[in-house]
Amino acid sequence: MGSMSAWHWIIVLAVGLLLFGGRGKVSELMGDFAKGIKSFKKGLAEDDKTEAEPAKPDPLKTIDHQTQGTPAASAAPAETRKAG
């Protein structure tokens, strides 16, 4: 159980030859891996550019809390009380 038999080694070598056999397969795998990393870095850089340029904010809308110009305020007469 501790060591591998000849059949185990034959199977391991066959799988290794299937995966990495032929000429240039390892270099093709590494080239594809490098292209994937470059695409990933490019995608991250594009995300940073969009976050760096925030959208222009809408003009702020303000509400005037003074009621001097409203018709309801000018129609009602001002009441004054005398202390006494």
Protein backbone atom coordinates (compact mmCIF):
# COMPACT_ATOMS: atom_id res chain seq x y z
CA MET A 1 0.00 0.00 0.00
CA GLY A 2 2.84 2.42 0.75
CA SER A 3 4.43 2.37 -2.70
CA MET A 4 2.89 2.55 -6.12
CA SER A 5 2.89 -0.52 -8.31
CA ALA A 6 3.94 -0.64 -11.95
CA TRP A 7 0.32 -0.29 -13.08
CA HIS A 8 -0.05 2.94 -11.12
CA TRP A 9 3.05 4.38 -12.77
CA ILE A 10 1.84 3.33 -16.24
CA ILE A 11 -1.52 5.04 -15.68
CA VAL A 12 0.14 8.20 -14.34
CA LEU A 13 2.51 8.34 -17.32
CA ALA A 14 -0.35 7.76 -19.78
CA VAL A 15 -2.39 10.59 -18.28
CA GLY A 16 0.69 12.84 -18.30
CA LEU A 17 1.33 12.05 -21.97
CA LEU A 18 -2.30 12.75 -22.85
CA LEU A 19 -2.26 16.10 -21.07
CA PHE A 20 1.21 17.33 -21.95
CA GLY A 21 2.17 15.10 -24.89
CA GLY A 22 2.91 16.35 -28.34
CA ARG A 23 5.14 19.19 -29.26
CA GLY A 24 4.53 22.59 -27.78
CA LYS A 25 1.48 21.75 -25.69
CA VAL A 26 2.99 23.08 -22.47
CA SER A 27 4.08 26.29 -24.15
CA GLU A 28 0.60 26.69 -25.67
CA LEU A 29 -0.97 26.17 -22.26
CA MET A 30 1.32 28.77 -20.70
CA GLY A 31 0.63 31.20 -23.56
CA ASP A 32 -3.12 30.82 -23.10
CA PHE A 33 -2.68 31.26 -19.35
CA ALA A 34 -0.68 34.47 -19.91
CA LYS A 35 -3.36 35.81 -22.29
CA GLY A 36 -5.99 35.15 -19.65
CA ILE A 37 -4.02 37.04 -17.01
CA LYS A 38 -3.50 40.00 -19.37
CA SER A 39 -7.21 40.12 -20.18
CA PHE A 40 -8.03 40.03 -16.46
CA LYS A 41 -5.66 42.91 -15.70
CA LYS A 42 -7.07 44.90 -18.62
CA GLY A 43 -10.59 44.39 -17.29
CA LEU A 44 -9.55 45.59 -13.84
CA ALA A 45 -7.88 48.67 -15.34
CA GLU A 46 -11.07 49.54 -17.26
CA ASP A 47 -13.12 49.26 -14.05
CA ASP A 48 -10.73 51.64 -12.28
CA LYS A 49 -11.09 54.20 -15.08
CA THR A 50 -14.88 54.22 -14.84
CA GLU A 51 -14.75 54.66 -11.06
CA ALA A 52 -12.19 57.46 -11.38
CA GLU A 53 -14.54 59.50 -13.58
CA PRO A 54 -17.72 59.98 -11.54
CA ALA A 55 -20.87 61.04 -13.29
CA LYS A 56 -21.71 64.73 -13.26
CA PRO A 57 -24.14 65.42 -10.43
CA ASP A 58 -27.53 66.89 -11.22
CA PRO A 59 -27.98 70.52 -10.28
CA LEU A 60 -29.21 70.79 -6.73
CA LYS A 61 -32.85 71.69 -6.31
CA THR A 62 -33.57 74.05 -3.48
CA ILE A 63 -36.85 74.77 -1.76
CA ASP A 64 -37.58 78.29 -0.62
CA HIS A 65 -39.14 78.09 2.84
CA GLN A 66 -40.26 81.71 2.94
CA THR A 67 -43.95 82.26 2.25
CA GLN A 68 -43.84 85.98 1.50
CA GLY A 69 -44.75 85.63 -2.14
CA THR A 70 -47.58 83.13 -1.78
CA PRO A 71 -51.19 84.29 -2.23
CA ALA A 72 -52.36 82.66 1.01
CA ALA A 73 -49.98 84.75 3.11
CA SER A 74 -50.97 88.08 1.53
CA ALA A 75 -54.73 87.38 1.66
CA ALA A 76 -54.95 86.82 5.43
CA PRO A 77 -54.71 90.02 7.49
CA ALA A 78 -52.09 90.06 10.18
CA GLU A 79 -53.62 89.87 13.66
CA THR A 80 -52.04 91.65 16.55
CA ARG A 81 -52.91 91.17 20.17
CA LYS A 82 -52.62 93.77 22.81
CA ALA A 83 -51.51 92.77 26.20
CA GLY A 84 -53.64 94.20 28.78
